[in-house]
Amino acid sequence: MPSIPHPSKRAFRAPPGLRQRHVQSLLAAWPLRQRLLRRRARALLGGARSEILDCGDGVRLLGLYTPTPGPSRGLAILLHGWEGSADATYVLSVGARLHSAGFEVFRLNFRDHGETFALNRDLFHSCRIDEVVHAVRAAIAAHPAPRAFLVGHSLGGNFALRVAVRAPAAGIELAKVVAICPVLRPQSTMRALETGLWVYREYFLRRWRRSLLAKAECFPDLYDFGDLRRFATLTATTEFFVKRYTPFADLDAYLSGYALTGDALAGLSVPARVIAAADDPVIPIADLRDVAMPRALTVDVLAHGGHCAFLENYRLTSWLDDAVLEEIGG
């Protein structure tokens, strides 16, 4: 088994008051920070136009494309995390930085994310990799650029790496993939959410319940979930939906279906970098030991950073934005 890579030598140093993992993770999503980031992302947001991508088999996904006013340095396709969206704080943060540096930016919404519940009849689940592969290919075809990059956070980082493995066979040319705090072994992430700080579990339960009710409103002939509060945990909720709305036999088969552990990344040939935090409260870093490490994959493990946060100062700017730019802009 490969060992966990040594801590990165990259210059990320959180101030002492921001070093604790929950402080990092929770401040990254602080509403005041969200408002500040939307101001910083005015050019990205103001120049964006919505596009519906045909992903085959009647599947449609919504993306937001922002061209660059000058010469293009490339197309950056951004993938959000579970129950996030193309307007998630971390997506806008890195998207604004890349756009200001001369990159075209395409922010993709997964199925049933970003208020897209009416676009497709079937529910989202994390094993729907084929439609994301099709979406990435469609986005690149619609916006020819000197190079194309894929950047994903959390579940989006998981999807980005799985897309990268499949890219050559799908005729997708990617210059590089950056995956930030990607979900590695879903069973471990589920356990961390259930047993860790209650805030994360309640956040995802609340967001998921809201999404499912919105889906039922769009398709009342298909979905009547009843009172979702009868499921007190993420595990119980997920198990219910796996059995009724996916082809998987049980919860473990479903969770294993999108794991990056084992040989899932063994065939990776697209250059890819994982940026992870040893203190991530959601993604247990020990699972990296069970991830195949092909030559195309580089992993940076930083001592601090929380989950997709890496706040580097009291202005709450993220070190990730420049780190991603360095990765794809060099």
C-alpha atoms as a PDB file:
ATOM      1  CA  MET A   1       0.000   0.000   0.000  1.00  0.00           C
ATOM      2  CA  PRO A   2       1.312   3.503  -0.772  1.00  0.00           C
ATOM      3  CA  SER A   3       2.077   5.592   2.288  1.00  0.00           C
ATOM      4  CA  ILE A   4       0.581   9.007   2.929  1.00  0.00           C
ATOM      5  CA  PRO A   5       2.707  11.630   1.154  1.00  0.00           C
ATOM      6  CA  HIS A   6       4.849  13.898   3.269  1.00  0.00           C
ATOM      7  CA  PRO A   7       3.408  17.299   4.189  1.00  0.00           C
ATOM      8  CA  SER A   8       3.638  19.823   1.398  1.00  0.00           C
ATOM      9  CA  LYS A   9       6.437  22.387   1.330  1.00  0.00           C
ATOM     10  CA  ARG A  10       4.051  24.911  -0.216  1.00  0.00           C
ATOM     11  CA  ALA A  11       3.897  28.131   1.777  1.00  0.00           C
ATOM     12  CA  PHE A  12       0.560  27.906   3.562  1.00  0.00           C
ATOM     13  CA  ARG A  13       0.644  29.196   7.111  1.00  0.00           C
ATOM     14  CA  ALA A  14      -2.624  29.966   8.821  1.00  0.00           C
ATOM     15  CA  PRO A  15      -2.471  32.608  11.581  1.00  0.00           C
ATOM     16  CA  PRO A  16      -2.579  31.032  15.057  1.00  0.00           C
ATOM     17  CA  GLY A  17      -6.160  32.159  15.652  1.00  0.00           C
ATOM     18  CA  LEU A  18      -7.337  30.536  12.404  1.00  0.00           C
ATOM     19  CA  ARG A  19      -5.379  27.299  12.613  1.00  0.00           C
ATOM     20  CA  GLN A  20      -7.986  25.066  14.267  1.00  0.00           C
ATOM     21  CA  ARG A  21      -9.748  22.836  11.738  1.00  0.00           C
ATOM     22  CA  HIS A  22     -13.329  23.742  12.661  1.00  0.00           C
ATOM     23  CA  VAL A  23     -12.475  27.450  12.700  1.00  0.00           C
ATOM     24  CA  GLN A  24     -11.072  27.096   9.189  1.00  0.00           C
ATOM     25  CA  SER A  25     -13.969  25.024   7.858  1.00  0.00           C
ATOM     26  CA  LEU A  26     -16.791  27.055   9.377  1.00  0.00           C
ATOM     27  CA  LEU A  27     -15.357  30.518   8.678  1.00  0.00           C
ATOM     28  CA  ALA A  28     -14.881  29.542   5.036  1.00  0.00           C
ATOM     29  CA  ALA A  29     -18.690  29.347   4.715  1.00  0.00           C
ATOM     30  CA  TRP A  30     -19.446  32.320   6.991  1.00  0.00           C
ATOM     31  CA  PRO A  31     -22.278  34.419   5.444  1.00  0.00           C
ATOM     32  CA  LEU A  32     -20.256  37.647   5.765  1.00  0.00           C
ATOM     33  CA  ARG A  33     -17.393  36.049   3.849  1.00  0.00           C
ATOM     34  CA  GLN A  34     -19.859  34.866   1.215  1.00  0.00           C
ATOM     35  CA  ARG A  35     -21.045  38.440   0.677  1.00  0.00           C
ATOM     36  CA  LEU A  36     -17.486  39.737   0.442  1.00  0.00           C
ATOM     37  CA  LEU A  37     -16.563  37.063  -2.089  1.00  0.00           C
ATOM     38  CA  ARG A  38     -19.543  37.866  -4.283  1.00  0.00           C
ATOM     39  CA  ARG A  39     -18.264  41.437  -4.461  1.00  0.00           C
ATOM     40  CA  ARG A  40     -14.806  40.227  -5.421  1.00  0.00           C
ATOM     41  CA  ALA A  41     -16.388  37.968  -8.048  1.00  0.00           C
ATOM     42  CA  ARG A  42     -18.410  40.722  -9.734  1.00  0.00           C
ATOM     43  CA  ALA A  43     -16.608  40.372 -13.061  1.00  0.00           C
ATOM     44  CA  LEU A  44     -17.024  36.587 -13.021  1.00  0.00           C
ATOM     45  CA  LEU A  45     -20.710  36.807 -12.134  1.00  0.00           C
ATOM     46  CA  GLY A  46     -21.527  39.803 -14.315  1.00  0.00           C
ATOM     47  CA  GLY A  47     -20.101  38.246 -17.451  1.00  0.00           C
ATOM     48  CA  ALA A  48     -21.608  34.792 -16.909  1.00  0.00           C
ATOM     49  CA  ARG A  49     -24.184  33.259 -19.209  1.00  0.00           C
ATOM     50  CA  SER A  50     -26.235  30.140 -18.527  1.00  0.00           C
ATOM     51  CA  GLU A  51     -25.865  27.140 -20.795  1.00  0.00           C
ATOM     52  CA  ILE A  52     -27.731  23.843 -20.831  1.00  0.00           C
ATOM     53  CA  LEU A  53     -25.465  20.943 -21.780  1.00  0.00           C
ATOM     54  CA  ASP A  54     -26.774  17.845 -23.555  1.00  0.00           C
ATOM     55  CA  CYS A  55     -25.208  14.945 -21.650  1.00  0.00           C
ATOM     56  CA  GLY A  56     -26.801  12.094 -23.575  1.00  0.00           C
ATOM     57  CA  ASP A  57     -29.776   9.851 -22.764  1.00  0.00           C
ATOM     58  CA  GLY A  58     -31.942  12.938 -22.263  1.00  0.00           C
ATOM     59  CA  VAL A  59     -29.822  14.214 -19.374  1.00  0.00           C
ATOM     60  CA  ARG A  60     -29.292  17.960 -19.202  1.00  0.00           C
ATOM     61  CA  LEU A  61     -26.951  19.834 -16.881  1.00  0.00           C
ATOM     62  CA  LEU A  62     -26.717  23.577 -16.317  1.00  0.00           C
ATOM     63  CA  GLY A  63     -23.439  25.467 -16.450  1.00  0.00           C
ATOM     64  CA  LEU A  64     -22.391  29.103 -16.214  1.00  0.00           C
ATOM     65  CA  TYR A  65     -19.752  30.254 -18.676  1.00  0.00           C
ATOM     66  CA  THR A  66     -17.748  33.462 -18.285  1.00  0.00           C
ATOM     67  CA  PRO A  67     -15.443  34.415 -21.173  1.00  0.00           C
ATOM     68  CA  THR A  68     -12.291  36.412 -20.610  1.00  0.00           C
ATOM     69  CA  PRO A  69     -12.181  39.920 -22.136  1.00  0.00           C
ATOM     70  CA  GLY A  70      -8.615  39.432 -23.380  1.00  0.00           C
ATOM     71  CA  PRO A  71      -6.597  36.569 -24.827  1.00  0.00           C
ATOM     72  CA  SER A  72      -7.568  33.273 -23.230  1.00  0.00           C
ATOM     73  CA  ARG A  73      -5.062  31.352 -21.129  1.00  0.00           C
ATOM     74  CA  GLY A  74      -7.381  28.367 -21.119  1.00  0.00           C
ATOM     75  CA  LEU A  75     -10.754  27.060 -19.999  1.00  0.00           C
ATOM     76  CA  ALA A  76     -11.156  26.185 -16.311  1.00  0.00           C
ATOM     77  CA  ILE A  77     -14.128  23.925 -15.546  1.00  0.00           C
ATOM     78  CA  LEU A  78     -15.090  24.083 -11.864  1.00  0.00           C
ATOM     79  CA  LEU A  79     -16.951  21.319  -9.998  1.00  0.00           C
ATOM     80  CA  HIS A  80     -18.658  22.001  -6.666  1.00  0.00           C
ATOM     81  CA  GLY A  81     -19.222  19.697  -3.707  1.00  0.00           C
ATOM     82  CA  TRP A  82     -22.307  17.832  -2.527  1.00  0.00           C
ATOM     83  CA  GLU A  83     -25.267  20.145  -1.915  1.00  0.00           C
ATOM     84  CA  GLY A  84     -23.184  23.025  -3.207  1.00  0.00           C
ATOM     85  CA  SER A  85     -23.618  24.739  -6.551  1.00  0.00           C
ATOM     86  CA  ALA A  86     -21.867  26.763  -9.218  1.00  0.00           C
ATOM     87  CA  ASP A  87     -22.349  29.728  -6.878  1.00  0.00           C
ATOM     88  CA  ALA A  88     -20.748  28.080  -3.845  1.00  0.00           C
ATOM     89  CA  THR A  89     -18.340  30.322  -1.960  1.00  0.00           C
ATOM     90  CA  TYR A  90     -15.255  28.226  -2.794  1.00  0.00           C
ATOM     91  CA  VAL A  91     -16.235  28.051  -6.477  1.00  0.00           C
ATOM     92  CA  LEU A  92     -16.645  31.816  -6.732  1.00  0.00           C
ATOM     93  CA  SER A  93     -13.408  32.396  -4.844  1.00  0.00           C
ATOM     94  CA  VAL A  94     -11.179  30.332  -7.108  1.00  0.00           C
ATOM     95  CA  GLY A  95     -13.255  31.170 -10.184  1.00  0.00           C
ATOM     96  CA  ALA A  96     -12.814  34.912  -9.669  1.00  0.00           C
ATOM     97  CA  ARG A  97      -9.060  34.476  -9.230  1.00  0.00           C
ATOM     98  CA  LEU A  98      -8.699  32.407 -12.392  1.00  0.00           C
ATOM     99  CA  HIS A  99     -10.919  34.737 -14.398  1.00  0.00           C
ATOM    100  CA  SER A 100      -8.934  37.790 -13.319  1.00  0.00           C
ATOM    101  CA  ALA A 101      -5.778  35.984 -14.479  1.00  0.00           C
ATOM    102  CA  GLY A 102      -7.111  35.494 -18.004  1.00  0.00           C
ATOM    103  CA  PHE A 103      -8.921  32.155 -17.871  1.00  0.00           C
ATOM    104  CA  GLU A 104     -12.356  31.406 -19.252  1.00  0.00           C
ATOM    105  CA  VAL A 105     -14.406  29.865 -16.465  1.00  0.00           C
ATOM    106  CA  PHE A 106     -17.178  27.278 -16.741  1.00  0.00           C
ATOM    107  CA  ARG A 107     -18.992  26.519 -13.462  1.00  0.00           C
ATOM    108  CA  LEU A 108     -20.952  23.288 -13.770  1.00  0.00           C
ATOM    109  CA  ASN A 109     -23.950  22.359 -11.646  1.00  0.00           C
ATOM    110  CA  PHE A 110     -24.400  18.675 -10.955  1.00  0.00           C
ATOM    111  CA  ARG A 111     -27.874  17.210 -11.383  1.00  0.00           C
ATOM    112  CA  ASP A 112     -30.315  18.564  -8.748  1.00  0.00           C
ATOM    113  CA  HIS A 113     -27.860  21.244  -7.608  1.00  0.00           C
ATOM    114  CA  GLY A 114     -28.106  24.978  -8.141  1.00  0.00           C
ATOM    115  CA  GLU A 115     -31.903  24.983  -8.423  1.00  0.00           C
ATOM    116  CA  THR A 116     -31.857  22.610 -11.418  1.00  0.00           C
ATOM    117  CA  PHE A 117     -34.354  20.120  -9.994  1.00  0.00           C
ATOM    118  CA  ALA A 118     -36.712  20.357 -12.967  1.00  0.00           C
ATOM    119  CA  LEU A 119     -34.085  19.570 -15.616  1.00  0.00           C
ATOM    120  CA  ASN A 120     -34.046  15.788 -15.079  1.00  0.00           C
ATOM    121  CA  ARG A 121     -36.645  13.366 -13.744  1.00  0.00           C
ATOM    122  CA  ASP A 122     -34.295  11.009 -11.920  1.00  0.00           C
ATOM    123  CA  LEU A 123     -32.530  11.938  -8.702  1.00  0.00           C
ATOM    124  CA  PHE A 124     -28.882  12.849  -8.323  1.00  0.00           C
ATOM    125  CA  HIS A 125     -26.505  10.342  -6.807  1.00  0.00           C
ATOM    126  CA  SER A 126     -22.724  10.353  -6.623  1.00  0.00           C
ATOM    127  CA  CYS A 127     -22.201   7.446  -9.029  1.00  0.00           C
ATOM    128  CA  ARG A 128     -23.616   9.382 -11.999  1.00  0.00           C
ATOM    129  CA  ILE A 129     -20.146   9.832 -13.446  1.00  0.00           C
ATOM    130  CA  ASP A 130     -21.075   9.317 -17.112  1.00  0.00           C
ATOM    131  CA  GLU A 131     -23.188  12.454 -17.342  1.00  0.00           C
ATOM    132  CA  VAL A 132     -20.406  14.548 -15.797  1.00  0.00           C
ATOM    133  CA  VAL A 133     -17.923  13.129 -18.324  1.00  0.00           C
ATOM    134  CA  HIS A 134     -20.353  14.117 -21.100  1.00  0.00           C
ATOM    135  CA  ALA A 135     -20.804  17.580 -19.568  1.00  0.00           C
ATOM    136  CA  VAL A 136     -17.066  18.225 -19.425  1.00  0.00           C
ATOM    137  CA  ARG A 137     -16.677  17.113 -23.028  1.00  0.00           C
ATOM    138  CA  ALA A 138     -19.594  19.309 -24.121  1.00  0.00           C
ATOM    139  CA  ALA A 139     -18.231  22.352 -22.287  1.00  0.00           C
ATOM    140  CA  ILE A 140     -14.816  21.956 -23.906  1.00  0.00           C
ATOM    141  CA  ALA A 141     -16.370  21.485 -27.359  1.00  0.00           C
ATOM    142  CA  ALA A 142     -18.549  24.578 -26.925  1.00  0.00           C
ATOM    143  CA  HIS A 143     -15.644  26.746 -25.801  1.00  0.00           C
ATOM    144  CA  PRO A 144     -12.446  25.837 -27.650  1.00  0.00           C
ATOM    145  CA  ALA A 145      -9.477  27.177 -25.716  1.00  0.00           C
ATOM    146  CA  PRO A 146      -5.697  26.724 -25.776  1.00  0.00           C
ATOM    147  CA  ARG A 147      -5.950  24.268 -22.866  1.00  0.00           C
ATOM    148  CA  ALA A 148      -8.686  22.871 -20.640  1.00  0.00           C
ATOM    149  CA  PHE A 149      -8.469  22.283 -16.900  1.00  0.00           C
ATOM    150  CA  LEU A 150     -10.708  20.668 -14.313  1.00  0.00           C
ATOM    151  CA  VAL A 151     -10.845  21.916 -10.711  1.00  0.00           C
ATOM    152  CA  GLY A 152     -13.057  20.285  -8.088  1.00  0.00           C
ATOM    153  CA  HIS A 153     -13.721  20.671  -4.385  1.00  0.00           C
ATOM    154  CA  SER A 154     -14.777  17.854  -2.030  1.00  0.00           C
ATOM    155  CA  LEU A 155     -17.241  15.637  -3.944  1.00  0.00           C
ATOM    156  CA  GLY A 156     -16.395  17.791  -6.962  1.00  0.00           C
ATOM    157  CA  GLY A 157     -12.750  16.819  -6.502  1.00  0.00           C
ATOM    158  CA  ASN A 158     -13.810  13.187  -6.412  1.00  0.00           C
ATOM    159  CA  PHE A 159     -15.749  13.653  -9.671  1.00  0.00           C
ATOM    160  CA  ALA A 160     -12.830  15.546 -11.238  1.00  0.00           C
ATOM    161  CA  LEU A 161     -10.429  12.664 -10.654  1.00  0.00           C
ATOM    162  CA  ARG A 162     -12.919  10.098 -11.922  1.00  0.00           C
ATOM    163  CA  VAL A 163     -13.487  12.200 -15.039  1.00  0.00           C
ATOM    164  CA  ALA A 164      -9.721  12.424 -15.530  1.00  0.00           C
ATOM    165  CA  VAL A 165      -9.398   8.617 -15.482  1.00  0.00           C
ATOM    166  CA  ARG A 166     -12.072   8.363 -18.176  1.00  0.00           C
ATOM    167  CA  ALA A 167     -11.002  11.389 -20.227  1.00  0.00           C
ATOM    168  CA  PRO A 168      -8.731   9.712 -22.818  1.00  0.00           C
ATOM    169  CA  ALA A 169     -11.323   7.063 -23.700  1.00  0.00           C
ATOM    170  CA  ALA A 170     -14.008   9.769 -23.933  1.00  0.00           C
ATOM    171  CA  GLY A 171     -11.944  11.904 -26.287  1.00  0.00           C
ATOM    172  CA  ILE A 172     -11.450  14.648 -23.689  1.00  0.00           C
ATOM    173  CA  GLU A 173      -8.138  16.470 -23.704  1.00  0.00           C
ATOM    174  CA  LEU A 174      -7.344  17.864 -20.254  1.00  0.00           C
ATOM    175  CA  ALA A 175      -4.105  19.682 -19.506  1.00  0.00           C
ATOM    176  CA  LYS A 176      -4.407  19.190 -15.754  1.00  0.00           C
ATOM    177  CA  VAL A 177      -6.811  18.356 -12.937  1.00  0.00           C
ATOM    178  CA  VAL A 178      -6.734  19.844  -9.441  1.00  0.00           C
ATOM    179  CA  ALA A 179      -8.768  18.089  -6.743  1.00  0.00           C
ATOM    180  CA  ILE A 180      -9.146  19.880  -3.418  1.00  0.00           C
ATOM    181  CA  CYS A 181     -10.007  17.770  -0.368  1.00  0.00           C
ATOM    182  CA  PRO A 182     -11.636  15.112  -2.568  1.00  0.00           C
ATOM    183  CA  VAL A 183     -13.879  12.463  -1.054  1.00  0.00           C
ATOM    184  CA  LEU A 184     -11.664   9.370  -0.898  1.00  0.00           C
ATOM    185  CA  ARG A 185     -13.582   6.583   0.830  1.00  0.00           C
ATOM    186  CA  PRO A 186     -17.259   7.604   1.152  1.00  0.00           C
ATOM    187  CA  GLN A 187     -17.823   5.222   4.056  1.00  0.00           C
ATOM    188  CA  SER A 188     -15.178   7.096   6.034  1.00  0.00           C
ATOM    189  CA  THR A 189     -16.644  10.469   5.161  1.00  0.00           C
ATOM    190  CA  MET A 190     -20.101   9.286   6.206  1.00  0.00           C
ATOM    191  CA  ARG A 191     -18.662   8.082   9.512  1.00  0.00           C
ATOM    192  CA  ALA A 192     -16.831  11.380  10.057  1.00  0.00           C
ATOM    193  CA  LEU A 193     -20.035  13.341   9.433  1.00  0.00           C
ATOM    194  CA  GLU A 194     -22.059  11.139  11.762  1.00  0.00           C
ATOM    195  CA  THR A 195     -19.587  11.094  14.645  1.00  0.00           C
ATOM    196  CA  GLY A 196     -17.838  14.457  14.293  1.00  0.00           C
ATOM    197  CA  LEU A 197     -18.975  17.982  15.103  1.00  0.00           C
ATOM    198  CA  TRP A 198     -22.759  18.052  14.753  1.00  0.00           C
ATOM    199  CA  VAL A 199     -22.759  21.238  12.654  1.00  0.00           C
ATOM    200  CA  TYR A 200     -21.593  19.445   9.507  1.00  0.00           C
ATOM    201  CA  ARG A 201     -24.138  16.642   9.797  1.00  0.00           C
ATOM    202  CA  GLU A 202     -27.011  19.054  10.391  1.00  0.00           C
ATOM    203  CA  TYR A 203     -25.914  21.271   7.540  1.00  0.00           C
ATOM    204  CA  PHE A 204     -25.983  18.439   5.012  1.00  0.00           C
ATOM    205  CA  LEU A 205     -29.205  16.966   6.364  1.00  0.00           C
ATOM    206  CA  ARG A 206     -30.946  20.333   6.143  1.00  0.00           C
ATOM    207  CA  ARG A 207     -29.664  21.052   2.629  1.00  0.00           C
ATOM    208  CA  TRP A 208     -30.448  17.570   1.340  1.00  0.00           C
ATOM    209  CA  ARG A 209     -33.979  17.599   2.758  1.00  0.00           C
ATOM    210  CA  ARG A 210     -34.588  20.962   1.099  1.00  0.00           C
ATOM    211  CA  SER A 211     -33.311  19.627  -2.241  1.00  0.00           C
ATOM    212  CA  LEU A 212     -35.447  16.503  -2.075  1.00  0.00           C
ATOM    213  CA  LEU A 213     -38.584  18.486  -1.301  1.00  0.00           C
ATOM    214  CA  ALA A 214     -37.836  20.783  -4.233  1.00  0.00           C
ATOM    215  CA  LYS A 215     -37.426  17.735  -6.483  1.00  0.00           C
ATOM    216  CA  ALA A 216     -40.761  16.343  -5.303  1.00  0.00           C
ATOM    217  CA  GLU A 217     -42.449  19.660  -6.124  1.00  0.00           C
ATOM    218  CA  CYS A 218     -41.140  19.442  -9.678  1.00  0.00           C
ATOM    219  CA  PHE A 219     -42.175  15.794 -10.120  1.00  0.00           C
ATOM    220  CA  PRO A 220     -45.098  15.055  -7.781  1.00  0.00           C
ATOM    221  CA  ASP A 221     -46.028  12.058  -9.923  1.00  0.00           C
ATOM    222  CA  LEU A 222     -42.672  10.439  -9.139  1.00  0.00           C
ATOM    223  CA  TYR A 223     -41.739  11.499  -5.627  1.00  0.00           C
ATOM    224  CA  ASP A 224     -43.533  11.675  -2.304  1.00  0.00           C
ATOM    225  CA  PHE A 225     -40.872  11.294   0.355  1.00  0.00           C
ATOM    226  CA  GLY A 226     -43.101  11.942   3.342  1.00  0.00           C
ATOM    227  CA  ASP A 227     -41.632  13.548   6.427  1.00  0.00           C
ATOM    228  CA  LEU A 228     -37.880  13.329   5.864  1.00  0.00           C
ATOM    229  CA  ARG A 229     -37.268  14.196   9.501  1.00  0.00           C
ATOM    230  CA  ARG A 230     -38.080  10.592  10.345  1.00  0.00           C
ATOM    231  CA  PHE A 231     -34.491   9.880   9.274  1.00  0.00           C
ATOM    232  CA  ALA A 232     -32.336  11.330  12.011  1.00  0.00           C
ATOM    233  CA  THR A 233     -28.976  10.576  10.386  1.00  0.00           C
ATOM    234  CA  LEU A 234     -27.299  10.871   7.015  1.00  0.00           C
ATOM    235  CA  THR A 235     -26.697   7.130   7.033  1.00  0.00           C
ATOM    236  CA  ALA A 236     -30.384   6.292   7.472  1.00  0.00           C
ATOM    237  CA  THR A 237     -31.428   8.859   4.852  1.00  0.00           C
ATOM    238  CA  THR A 238     -28.879   7.625   2.333  1.00  0.00           C
ATOM    239  CA  GLU A 239     -29.771   3.993   2.914  1.00  0.00           C
ATOM    240  CA  PHE A 240     -33.450   4.754   2.264  1.00  0.00           C
ATOM    241  CA  PHE A 241     -32.709   6.451  -1.055  1.00  0.00           C
ATOM    242  CA  VAL A 242     -30.148   3.905  -2.201  1.00  0.00           C
ATOM    243  CA  LYS A 243     -32.644   1.078  -1.809  1.00  0.00           C
ATOM    244  CA  ARG A 244     -35.513   2.901  -3.534  1.00  0.00           C
ATOM    245  CA  TYR A 245     -33.933   5.176  -6.119  1.00  0.00           C
ATOM    246  CA  THR A 246     -30.631   3.634  -7.239  1.00  0.00           C
ATOM    247  CA  PRO A 247     -29.642   0.316  -8.864  1.00  0.00           C
ATOM    248  CA  PHE A 248     -27.325  -0.557  -5.972  1.00  0.00           C
ATOM    249  CA  ALA A 249     -28.105  -3.512  -3.730  1.00  0.00           C
ATOM    250  CA  ASP A 250     -27.204  -1.788  -0.492  1.00  0.00           C
ATOM    251  CA  LEU A 251     -25.560   1.244   1.070  1.00  0.00           C
ATOM    252  CA  ASP A 252     -22.032  -0.166   1.017  1.00  0.00           C
ATOM    253  CA  ALA A 253     -22.239  -1.061  -2.682  1.00  0.00           C
ATOM    254  CA  TYR A 254     -23.354   2.479  -3.477  1.00  0.00           C
ATOM    255  CA  LEU A 255     -20.658   4.157  -1.394  1.00  0.00           C
ATOM    256  CA  SER A 256     -17.998   1.880  -2.861  1.00  0.00           C
ATOM    257  CA  GLY A 257     -19.214   2.840  -6.323  1.00  0.00           C
ATOM    258  CA  TYR A 258     -17.631   6.276  -6.164  1.00  0.00           C
ATOM    259  CA  ALA A 259     -14.658   5.588  -3.897  1.00  0.00           C
ATOM    260  CA  LEU A 260     -11.188   6.657  -5.025  1.00  0.00           C
ATOM    261  CA  THR A 261      -9.499   3.990  -2.923  1.00  0.00           C
ATOM    262  CA  GLY A 262      -8.187   0.711  -4.299  1.00  0.00           C
ATOM    263  CA  ASP A 263      -7.416   0.778  -8.017  1.00  0.00           C
ATOM    264  CA  ALA A 264      -9.878   3.550  -8.935  1.00  0.00           C
ATOM    265  CA  LEU A 265      -7.075   5.904  -9.989  1.00  0.00           C
ATOM    266  CA  ALA A 266      -4.602   3.281 -11.203  1.00  0.00           C
ATOM    267  CA  GLY A 267      -5.309   4.115 -14.857  1.00  0.00           C
ATOM    268  CA  LEU A 268      -4.922   7.880 -14.446  1.00  0.00           C
ATOM    269  CA  SER A 269      -2.770   9.394 -17.178  1.00  0.00           C
ATOM    270  CA  VAL A 270      -3.914  13.042 -17.079  1.00  0.00           C
ATOM    271  CA  PRO A 271      -1.618  15.149 -14.848  1.00  0.00           C
ATOM    272  CA  ALA A 272      -3.466  15.650 -11.574  1.00  0.00           C
ATOM    273  CA  ARG A 273      -2.760  17.178  -8.197  1.00  0.00           C
ATOM    274  CA  VAL A 274      -4.616  16.537  -4.970  1.00  0.00           C
ATOM    275  CA  ILE A 275      -4.460  19.223  -2.304  1.00  0.00           C
ATOM    276  CA  ALA A 276      -5.584  17.912   1.071  1.00  0.00           C
ATOM    277  CA  ALA A 277      -5.436  18.872   4.742  1.00  0.00           C
ATOM    278  CA  ALA A 278      -4.274  16.502   7.450  1.00  0.00           C
ATOM    279  CA  ASP A 279      -6.817  18.086   9.823  1.00  0.00           C
ATOM    280  CA  ASP A 280      -9.809  17.856   7.452  1.00  0.00           C
ATOM    281  CA  PRO A 281     -12.845  17.119   9.669  1.00  0.00           C
ATOM    282  CA  VAL A 282     -14.799  15.553   6.793  1.00  0.00           C
ATOM    283  CA  ILE A 283     -12.228  13.617   4.727  1.00  0.00           C
ATOM    284  CA  PRO A 284     -10.066  11.313   6.890  1.00  0.00           C
ATOM    285  CA  ILE A 285      -6.548  11.730   5.546  1.00  0.00           C
ATOM    286  CA  ALA A 286      -5.564   8.168   6.508  1.00  0.00           C
ATOM    287  CA  ASP A 287      -7.570   6.911   3.521  1.00  0.00           C
ATOM    288  CA  LEU A 288      -4.852   8.219   1.210  1.00  0.00           C
ATOM    289  CA  ARG A 289      -2.883   5.097   2.133  1.00  0.00           C
ATOM    290  CA  ASP A 290      -5.368   3.072   0.123  1.00  0.00           C
ATOM    291  CA  VAL A 291      -5.362   5.254  -3.007  1.00  0.00           C
ATOM    292  CA  ALA A 292      -3.338   4.092  -6.015  1.00  0.00           C
ATOM    293  CA  MET A 293      -0.542   6.540  -6.836  1.00  0.00           C
ATOM    294  CA  PRO A 294       0.131   6.482 -10.592  1.00  0.00           C
ATOM    295  CA  ARG A 295       2.925   8.644 -12.000  1.00  0.00           C
ATOM    296  CA  ALA A 296       0.416  11.253 -13.213  1.00  0.00           C
ATOM    297  CA  LEU A 297      -0.816  11.941  -9.673  1.00  0.00           C
ATOM    298  CA  THR A 298       0.835  14.291  -7.196  1.00  0.00           C
ATOM    299  CA  VAL A 299      -0.490  14.742  -3.669  1.00  0.00           C
ATOM    300  CA  ASP A 300       0.106  17.652  -1.303  1.00  0.00           C
ATOM    301  CA  VAL A 301      -0.937  17.126   2.302  1.00  0.00           C
ATOM    302  CA  LEU A 302      -0.877  20.287   4.380  1.00  0.00           C
ATOM    303  CA  ALA A 303      -0.920  20.169   8.160  1.00  0.00           C
ATOM    304  CA  HIS A 304      -3.805  22.615   8.458  1.00  0.00           C
ATOM    305  CA  GLY A 305      -6.597  23.938   6.267  1.00  0.00           C
ATOM    306  CA  GLY A 306      -9.785  22.226   7.383  1.00  0.00           C
ATOM    307  CA  HIS A 307     -12.222  21.194   4.683  1.00  0.00           C
ATOM    308  CA  CYS A 308     -11.699  23.177   1.458  1.00  0.00           C
ATOM    309  CA  ALA A 309     -10.798  26.285   3.472  1.00  0.00           C
ATOM    310  CA  PHE A 310      -7.064  27.086   3.768  1.00  0.00           C
ATOM    311  CA  LEU A 311      -7.774  30.602   5.060  1.00  0.00           C
ATOM    312  CA  GLU A 312      -4.450  32.413   5.155  1.00  0.00           C
ATOM    313  CA  ASN A 313      -5.219  35.687   6.936  1.00  0.00           C
ATOM    314  CA  TYR A 314      -7.846  37.580   8.915  1.00  0.00           C
ATOM    315  CA  ARG A 315      -9.321  38.957   5.692  1.00  0.00           C
ATOM    316  CA  LEU A 316     -10.372  35.325   5.171  1.00  0.00           C
ATOM    317  CA  THR A 317      -8.823  34.989   1.746  1.00  0.00           C
ATOM    318  CA  SER A 318      -8.008  31.435   0.701  1.00  0.00           C
ATOM    319  CA  TRP A 319      -4.494  30.307  -0.122  1.00  0.00           C
ATOM    320  CA  LEU A 320      -6.127  27.837  -2.521  1.00  0.00           C
ATOM    321  CA  ASP A 321      -6.943  30.496  -5.101  1.00  0.00           C
ATOM    322  CA  ASP A 322      -3.318  31.304  -5.869  1.00  0.00           C
ATOM    323  CA  ALA A 323      -2.303  27.661  -5.405  1.00  0.00           C
ATOM    324  CA  VAL A 324      -4.748  26.547  -8.106  1.00  0.00           C
ATOM    325  CA  LEU A 325      -3.655  29.381 -10.377  1.00  0.00           C
ATOM    326  CA  GLU A 326      -0.053  28.276  -9.920  1.00  0.00           C
ATOM    327  CA  GLU A 327      -0.981  24.713 -10.818  1.00  0.00           C
ATOM    328  CA  ILE A 328      -2.788  25.489 -14.052  1.00  0.00           C
ATOM    329  CA  GLY A 329      -1.130  28.739 -15.028  1.00  0.00           C
ATOM    330  CA  GLY A 330       2.502  27.706 -14.829  1.00  0.00           C
END
